[in-house]
Every structure is written in C-alpha cells, then in structure tokens.
Amino acid sequence: MRRREFITLGGAAAAWPLAARAQQARRARVAWFTVAPHPFVEGFRRGMRELGWIEGDNLLIEYRYADGYPERLPELAAELARGASDLVVVSGSDALEAARASIRSIPIVGVSSNMGMGGSLARSEGNLSGIALLFDELAIKWLELLAEAAPRAQRFGVIFDPSASNATQFDAVATAAAKLGKTLLALRIENIDAISSALDRARGEKVDGLVFIASPIFTANAARIVELAQQTGLPAVYEARVLAERGGLMSYGPNLNEVFRRAASYADRILKGAKPAELPIERPTRFEFVINMKTARALSIELPPALLLRADEVIE
C-alpha cells in the first residue's frame, strides 16, 4: 500500500505543561473515541508502534464506542472528560462535536471532516488538533464517478447519517446532481439499525444507484453494508477502499489506514510535551480510487475504459 502525502497548515509546536512531558516515564493512557469500531484503528496502532509506543508496555489504549448510535456520544464524551486519559483520539464528526463540548482539559487528536471548522483550518483550537478528512470536498466526486460508471442512471439514493458533516456532504452531492441533470432520493439514517430499511426504500422507489456518504458507521460495518447493498442489485460508491474490498463497486477517498497512522504522530508529539493548539491541522493530498471488477461483472456493468485507467487499483 502506497504511503500518502500530507500537507501541513499553521505554526510550529510548543511545549505542553511539564506534567505531560513525563508521560514517557510511565504508561500513557490514550482513549480511542468514535461511534463504532472501525478497522483504521490498526493504522493508528501501527503508527504508535513505529514511534516507540507499545500496547501493554508503555501504552494503554482504552476504547469508547457508541455501538453505531450517535445519540450515545455526548454521554461517553462526558465520561471521558471525567477520566484519567492523557490524550483522546477522536474519529468522526459526531464524536468530535461531542468531545469538543465536554472535554476541556485533556488534549484531543481529531480525524474528521469537521476539523478546523469554526476557525482557521490552518490553526488548531485550544486542546484540539488533528487531520481534516475533506469529505465535504470529495462528495461531488462520488456522484460523478458513479454516473460515469452507469451513464444511463438518472436517479440516485444518497445514504447519510444525522451529523452536520453528512448534511454538508449531501449538499455537495446535490450540487453535482444538479450539474449532471440527475435527481436524488435522500435516505437519512439515525443509526446502524436503519440501514436495511433505507435500502429497502431505495429499491422500492427504483433508484438507479447508491451513494454512501462518509461515516464511521459505514466503515465499521463494511461487510454488512456491502451485503445489504448487493441485495438491491444497484451499483454503489463509498468513501473508503475497505468497502470496495468487501465487494462494493467502487470507492474514492483518502487512504484511511495512512491517515490514522499519521494521527499517531500527533499523539506522539503531544504525549512528549507538544501543545495541541500550536500543532497545525493536516489534510490528505492524495486519494485512492478503487474499482471492484468482480462486483461490476455481477451487476452486468461494463465500465468505461477511461474510468478503469483512472483507478489506482482494480480488484479482480
């Protein structure tokens, strides 16, 4: 897997209080906070190992999940705020908003589309820094790619969760639809339990394809999501390659294993004394376009050669 490049925006790191500088002398306690378990925690673990942080030795990672129910995140964030973690790593926009609202005195490393919003993208805020995923900007591309793969398709179902970031991404997809002369069916889900009924509605209302907006709920349940989408017989595009690897038709987005590996560098610097507010927010600058040809054949879709040539990887 190719290592992806990042750009940094903002100033240099300064020192966090002396108490944090001593973290290397004992086991560091890092809380991992997101709506549901997703596979990219492995990228974070790998990055931490490469920087000398070994679970069970000088590192303890404590996992806090809302099990696919965003409404549980504020309570979990409040628990974390009262805890003894040295650092909280947050994945996803709902989890980040919950952490922002409750966690004031513990450093936070965020990986989310809403990083930097409400302030300068270049400048972190208070006890928070991290990586902006840019899905709000990528959302237009999802519909464009799916429309190119299925040029006769006119109506697309867009599946998204209740987060503000997902609403913004939906608006971006709507902009692309208007430009291409396509129509959309909005399929908002409140939690993981609503996926099946949303796809049943998509099939019942005879959409021609599916766009899954970026959400930890989808990557955390990649196999289940793809299986349900396949049952509709519709082509679908997703945010992350893990969904294409599980049988989704195509994905477009940053290499999330590398993104979370990069997030480990933030954790390392903060645990060694850096101040989050002066660590620049980063953004991925390279993105992966993955096509699953086995799925294309199962759907009887003949993909245009020009589309195949643009793919970073074609799964046979």
Protein backbone atom coordinates (compact mmCIF):
# COMPACT_ATOMS: atom_id res chain seq x y z
CA MET A 1 0.00 0.00 0.00
CA ARG A 2 1.46 3.31 -1.03
CA ARG A 3 2.18 5.88 1.63
CA ARG A 4 0.11 9.01 1.04
CA GLU A 5 1.35 12.57 1.29
CA PHE A 6 0.02 15.21 3.64
CA ILE A 7 0.31 18.99 3.75
CA THR A 8 0.50 20.95 6.97
CA LEU A 9 -1.01 24.33 7.65
CA GLY A 10 -0.01 26.60 10.51
CA GLY A 11 2.75 27.14 13.03
CA ALA A 12 5.27 25.05 14.92
CA ALA A 13 4.68 23.03 18.08
CA ALA A 14 5.33 24.40 21.53
CA ALA A 15 5.57 22.73 24.91
CA TRP A 16 2.62 21.26 26.80
CA PRO A 17 2.74 21.55 30.59
CA LEU A 18 5.57 19.81 32.42
CA ALA A 19 3.30 17.12 33.80
CA ALA A 20 2.65 15.84 30.27
CA ARG A 21 6.36 15.78 29.45
CA ALA A 22 6.79 12.99 31.94
CA GLN A 23 4.41 10.65 30.10
CA GLN A 24 7.26 8.66 28.58
CA ALA A 25 8.36 7.72 32.09
CA ARG A 26 5.14 5.78 32.70
CA ARG A 27 2.41 4.09 30.68
CA ALA A 28 0.48 6.61 28.58
CA ARG A 29 -3.32 6.30 28.68
CA VAL A 30 -4.93 7.06 25.31
CA ALA A 31 -8.70 6.97 24.82
CA TRP A 32 -9.98 5.97 21.37
CA PHE A 33 -13.40 7.54 20.80
CA THR A 34 -15.77 7.01 17.88
CA VAL A 35 -19.33 5.97 17.09
CA ALA A 36 -18.44 2.34 16.26
CA PRO A 37 -15.36 0.12 15.94
CA HIS A 38 -13.73 0.55 12.54
CA PRO A 39 -10.65 -1.11 11.01
CA PHE A 40 -8.48 2.02 10.83
CA VAL A 41 -7.53 1.76 14.49
CA GLU A 42 -4.89 -0.65 13.12
CA GLY A 43 -3.27 2.22 11.24
CA PHE A 44 -3.10 4.20 14.48
CA ARG A 45 -1.64 1.26 16.40
CA ARG A 46 0.97 0.73 13.69
CA GLY A 47 1.94 4.39 13.76
CA MET A 48 2.29 4.31 17.53
CA ARG A 49 4.48 1.19 17.40
CA GLU A 50 6.74 2.82 14.84
CA LEU A 51 7.18 5.74 17.24
CA GLY A 52 8.05 3.51 20.18
CA TRP A 53 4.64 3.23 21.89
CA ILE A 54 3.86 -0.43 22.59
CA GLU A 55 0.48 -1.54 23.91
CA GLY A 56 0.85 -3.40 27.19
CA ASP A 57 4.26 -1.83 27.76
CA ASN A 58 4.30 1.99 27.74
CA LEU A 59 0.87 2.45 26.13
CA LEU A 60 -2.69 1.66 27.19
CA ILE A 61 -5.47 2.33 24.65
CA GLU A 62 -8.97 2.46 26.15
CA TYR A 63 -11.79 2.11 23.64
CA ARG A 64 -15.02 4.08 23.90
CA TYR A 65 -17.67 3.21 21.30
CA ALA A 66 -21.31 4.21 20.87
CA ASP A 67 -22.04 0.91 19.06
CA GLY A 68 -23.41 2.68 15.98
CA TYR A 69 -25.75 5.02 17.89
CA PRO A 70 -24.61 8.68 17.58
CA GLU A 71 -27.05 9.79 20.28
CA ARG A 72 -24.88 7.99 22.86
CA LEU A 73 -21.74 10.00 22.07
CA PRO A 74 -22.33 13.04 24.37
CA GLU A 75 -22.66 10.82 27.45
CA LEU A 76 -19.49 8.91 26.54
CA ALA A 77 -17.62 12.17 25.96
CA ALA A 78 -18.69 13.42 29.38
CA GLU A 79 -17.34 10.20 30.92
CA LEU A 80 -14.02 10.70 29.13
CA ALA A 81 -13.83 14.27 30.42
CA ARG A 82 -14.01 12.94 33.97
CA GLY A 83 -11.46 10.20 33.32
CA ALA A 84 -7.70 9.96 33.63
CA SER A 85 -6.68 9.76 29.97
CA ASP A 86 -3.55 11.60 28.87
CA LEU A 87 -4.98 12.01 25.36
CA VAL A 88 -8.21 11.35 23.45
CA VAL A 89 -8.12 10.32 19.78
CA VAL A 90 -11.47 11.06 18.11
CA SER A 91 -12.76 9.70 14.79
CA GLY A 92 -15.84 11.09 13.04
CA SER A 93 -17.70 14.38 13.10
CA ASP A 94 -20.37 13.44 15.67
CA ALA A 95 -17.75 12.14 18.07
CA LEU A 96 -15.63 15.24 17.53
CA GLU A 97 -18.54 17.56 18.30
CA ALA A 98 -19.31 15.60 21.47
CA ALA A 99 -15.65 15.75 22.52
CA ARG A 100 -15.43 19.49 21.81
CA ALA A 101 -18.47 20.11 24.00
CA SER A 102 -17.27 18.12 27.03
CA ILE A 103 -13.52 17.59 27.04
CA ARG A 104 -11.67 20.76 28.00
CA SER A 105 -8.56 19.79 29.94
CA ILE A 106 -7.41 16.67 28.06
CA PRO A 107 -5.61 17.01 24.69
CA ILE A 108 -7.63 15.78 21.70
CA VAL A 109 -6.40 14.48 18.33
CA GLY A 110 -9.30 14.61 15.86
CA VAL A 111 -9.65 12.86 12.50
CA SER A 112 -12.80 14.17 10.86
CA SER A 113 -14.37 16.25 8.09
CA ASN A 114 -15.23 18.97 10.58
CA MET A 115 -11.70 19.55 11.83
CA GLY A 116 -10.88 23.26 11.63
CA MET A 117 -14.47 24.39 11.14
CA GLY A 118 -15.49 27.40 13.20
CA GLY A 119 -11.97 28.76 13.00
CA SER A 120 -8.96 28.73 10.74
CA LEU A 121 -8.23 25.41 9.06
CA ALA A 122 -4.57 26.27 9.49
CA ARG A 123 -4.84 26.87 13.23
CA SER A 124 -5.88 24.32 15.81
CA GLU A 125 -8.13 25.27 18.69
CA GLY A 126 -7.43 25.06 22.41
CA ASN A 127 -6.80 21.44 23.32
CA LEU A 128 -7.57 20.08 19.83
CA SER A 129 -5.58 19.39 16.67
CA GLY A 130 -5.51 16.66 14.03
CA ILE A 131 -6.37 15.83 10.44
CA ALA A 132 -9.19 17.26 8.28
CA LEU A 133 -10.50 14.50 6.00
CA LEU A 134 -12.03 16.80 3.34
CA PHE A 135 -15.00 14.54 2.62
CA ASP A 136 -17.12 17.67 2.20
CA GLU A 137 -14.98 18.48 -0.84
CA LEU A 138 -14.82 14.89 -2.13
CA ALA A 139 -18.58 14.28 -2.07
CA ILE A 140 -19.08 15.81 -5.52
CA LYS A 141 -16.67 13.26 -6.95
CA TRP A 142 -18.65 10.27 -5.64
CA LEU A 143 -21.70 11.05 -7.76
CA GLU A 144 -19.58 11.98 -10.78
CA LEU A 145 -17.78 8.61 -10.67
CA LEU A 146 -20.96 6.62 -10.20
CA ALA A 147 -22.70 8.47 -13.03
CA GLU A 148 -19.74 7.74 -15.29
CA ALA A 149 -19.85 4.05 -14.34
CA ALA A 150 -23.59 3.88 -15.03
CA PRO A 151 -24.27 6.60 -17.64
CA ARG A 152 -27.94 5.65 -18.12
CA ALA A 153 -28.69 6.09 -14.41
CA GLN A 154 -30.85 9.11 -13.65
CA ARG A 155 -31.91 8.80 -10.00
CA PHE A 156 -29.59 8.07 -7.11
CA GLY A 157 -30.23 7.24 -3.47
CA VAL A 158 -27.92 9.04 -1.04
CA ILE A 159 -27.48 7.39 2.35
CA PHE A 160 -26.21 9.58 5.18
CA ASP A 161 -26.19 9.79 8.98
CA PRO A 162 -27.55 12.68 11.12
CA SER A 163 -24.23 14.51 11.57
CA ALA A 164 -23.76 18.10 10.38
CA SER A 165 -20.82 16.95 8.27
CA ASN A 166 -23.01 14.40 6.48
CA ALA A 167 -25.60 17.10 5.78
CA THR A 168 -22.86 19.22 4.17
CA GLN A 169 -21.70 16.25 2.11
CA PHE A 170 -25.26 15.61 0.97
CA ASP A 171 -25.46 19.22 -0.21
CA ALA A 172 -22.27 18.68 -2.22
CA VAL A 173 -23.74 15.57 -3.85
CA ALA A 174 -26.89 17.58 -4.64
CA THR A 175 -24.73 20.21 -6.35
CA ALA A 176 -23.16 17.51 -8.52
CA ALA A 177 -26.60 16.05 -9.30
CA ALA A 178 -27.89 19.43 -10.48
CA LYS A 179 -24.82 19.89 -12.68
CA LEU A 180 -25.27 16.44 -14.24
CA GLY A 181 -29.06 16.66 -14.56
CA LYS A 182 -29.63 13.80 -12.11
CA THR A 183 -32.16 13.52 -9.29
CA LEU A 184 -31.59 12.35 -5.71
CA LEU A 185 -33.52 10.45 -3.08
CA ALA A 186 -32.37 11.45 0.43
CA LEU A 187 -32.06 8.39 2.69
CA ARG A 188 -31.12 9.63 6.15
CA ILE A 189 -30.40 7.00 8.80
CA GLU A 190 -30.34 7.74 12.52
CA ASN A 191 -28.19 4.74 13.45
CA ILE A 192 -26.98 1.37 12.21
CA ASP A 193 -30.39 -0.25 12.68
CA ALA A 194 -31.87 1.93 9.92
CA ILE A 195 -29.60 0.72 7.10
CA SER A 196 -31.79 -2.15 5.95
CA SER A 197 -34.99 -0.10 5.77
CA ALA A 198 -33.18 2.71 3.91
CA LEU A 199 -32.02 0.25 1.26
CA ASP A 200 -35.47 -1.30 1.05
CA ARG A 201 -36.85 2.17 0.36
CA ALA A 202 -34.18 2.78 -2.30
CA ARG A 203 -35.17 -0.41 -4.08
CA GLY A 204 -38.88 0.31 -3.70
CA GLU A 205 -38.51 3.80 -5.16
CA LYS A 206 -36.48 2.44 -8.07
CA VAL A 207 -33.28 4.42 -7.80
CA ASP A 208 -30.51 3.55 -10.26
CA GLY A 209 -27.53 3.74 -7.90
CA LEU A 210 -26.42 4.43 -4.34
CA VAL A 211 -24.04 6.98 -2.82
CA PHE A 212 -22.90 6.27 0.74
CA ILE A 213 -21.79 9.48 2.44
CA ALA A 214 -18.63 9.15 4.58
CA SER A 215 -19.46 7.84 8.05
CA PRO A 216 -17.69 5.69 10.65
CA ILE A 217 -20.98 3.79 10.86
CA PHE A 218 -20.42 2.52 7.31
CA THR A 219 -16.72 1.66 7.60
CA ALA A 220 -17.34 -0.03 10.97
CA ASN A 221 -19.95 -2.28 9.32
CA ALA A 222 -18.37 -2.64 5.89
CA ALA A 223 -19.24 -6.29 5.25
CA ARG A 224 -22.85 -5.86 6.38
CA ILE A 225 -23.34 -2.62 4.43
CA VAL A 226 -21.97 -4.09 1.21
CA GLU A 227 -24.01 -7.29 1.57
CA LEU A 228 -27.21 -5.30 2.00
CA ALA A 229 -26.33 -3.02 -0.91
CA GLN A 230 -25.61 -6.03 -3.13
CA GLN A 231 -29.07 -7.40 -2.37
CA THR A 232 -30.57 -4.34 -4.04
CA GLY A 233 -28.73 -5.14 -7.27
CA LEU A 234 -27.68 -1.48 -7.51
CA PRO A 235 -24.22 -0.02 -8.18
CA ALA A 236 -22.83 1.90 -5.21
CA VAL A 237 -19.92 4.19 -4.41
CA TYR A 238 -18.30 4.53 -0.99
CA GLU A 239 -15.77 6.63 0.90
CA ALA A 240 -13.12 4.00 1.71
CA ARG A 241 -11.35 1.14 -0.02
CA VAL A 242 -12.36 -1.30 2.74
CA LEU A 243 -15.90 -1.17 1.32
CA ALA A 244 -14.68 -1.89 -2.21
CA GLU A 245 -12.55 -4.73 -0.85
CA ARG A 246 -15.64 -6.21 0.79
CA GLY A 247 -17.48 -6.17 -2.55
CA GLY A 248 -18.62 -2.60 -3.12
CA LEU A 249 -18.42 -1.45 -6.75
CA MET A 250 -16.08 1.48 -6.15
CA SER A 251 -14.61 3.80 -3.55
CA TYR A 252 -12.91 7.16 -3.60
CA GLY A 253 -11.20 8.86 -0.69
CA PRO A 254 -8.01 9.15 1.33
CA ASN A 255 -6.14 6.05 2.45
CA LEU A 256 -7.60 5.95 5.95
CA ASN A 257 -5.05 3.49 7.33
CA GLU A 258 -2.36 6.02 6.43
CA VAL A 259 -4.43 8.90 7.80
CA PHE A 260 -4.71 7.23 11.19
CA ARG A 261 -1.07 6.19 11.07
CA ARG A 262 -0.32 9.87 10.61
CA ALA A 263 -2.61 10.71 13.55
CA ALA A 264 -0.21 8.70 15.71
CA SER A 265 2.43 11.36 15.09
CA TYR A 266 0.13 13.91 16.74
CA ALA A 267 -0.37 11.60 19.71
CA ASP A 268 3.37 11.04 19.99
CA ARG A 269 4.21 14.75 19.96
CA ILE A 270 1.51 15.63 22.47
CA LEU A 271 2.49 12.81 24.83
CA LYS A 272 6.05 14.10 24.65
CA GLY A 273 5.05 17.66 25.51
CA ALA A 274 3.69 19.42 22.41
CA LYS A 275 0.77 21.79 22.80
CA PRO A 276 -2.22 20.82 20.59
CA ALA A 277 -3.22 24.43 19.84
CA GLU A 278 0.09 25.02 18.10
CA LEU A 279 0.19 21.81 16.06
CA PRO A 280 -1.02 22.54 12.51
CA ILE A 281 -4.06 20.76 11.14
CA GLU A 282 -3.12 18.49 8.23
CA ARG A 283 -5.06 17.45 5.17
CA PRO A 284 -4.53 14.42 2.91
CA THR A 285 -3.44 15.46 -0.57
CA ARG A 286 -3.68 12.13 -2.37
CA PHE A 287 -6.74 9.96 -2.73
CA GLU A 288 -7.45 6.37 -3.80
CA PHE A 289 -9.92 5.38 -6.48
CA VAL A 290 -10.63 1.63 -6.21
CA ILE A 291 -12.88 -0.43 -8.52
CA ASN A 292 -14.09 -3.96 -7.84
CA MET A 293 -14.39 -5.67 -11.23
CA LYS A 294 -15.92 -8.84 -9.76
CA THR A 295 -18.80 -6.73 -8.50
CA ALA A 296 -19.10 -4.90 -11.82
CA ARG A 297 -19.48 -8.22 -13.61
CA ALA A 298 -22.04 -9.44 -11.05
CA LEU A 299 -24.07 -6.28 -11.72
CA SER A 300 -23.62 -6.67 -15.51
CA ILE A 301 -21.98 -3.25 -15.67
CA GLU A 302 -19.46 -2.64 -18.45
CA LEU A 303 -17.22 0.07 -17.04
CA PRO A 304 -15.79 2.62 -19.49
CA PRO A 305 -12.09 2.01 -20.25
CA ALA A 306 -11.28 5.63 -19.36
CA LEU A 307 -12.71 5.08 -15.87
CA LEU A 308 -10.67 1.92 -15.37
CA LEU A 309 -7.50 3.70 -16.43
CA ARG A 310 -8.00 6.34 -13.74
CA ALA A 311 -8.34 3.76 -10.96
CA ASP A 312 -5.47 3.43 -8.50
CA GLU A 313 -6.43 -0.21 -8.07
CA VAL A 314 -8.74 -2.62 -9.89
CA ILE A 315 -9.79 -5.61 -7.78
CA GLU A 316 -10.36 -8.72 -9.91
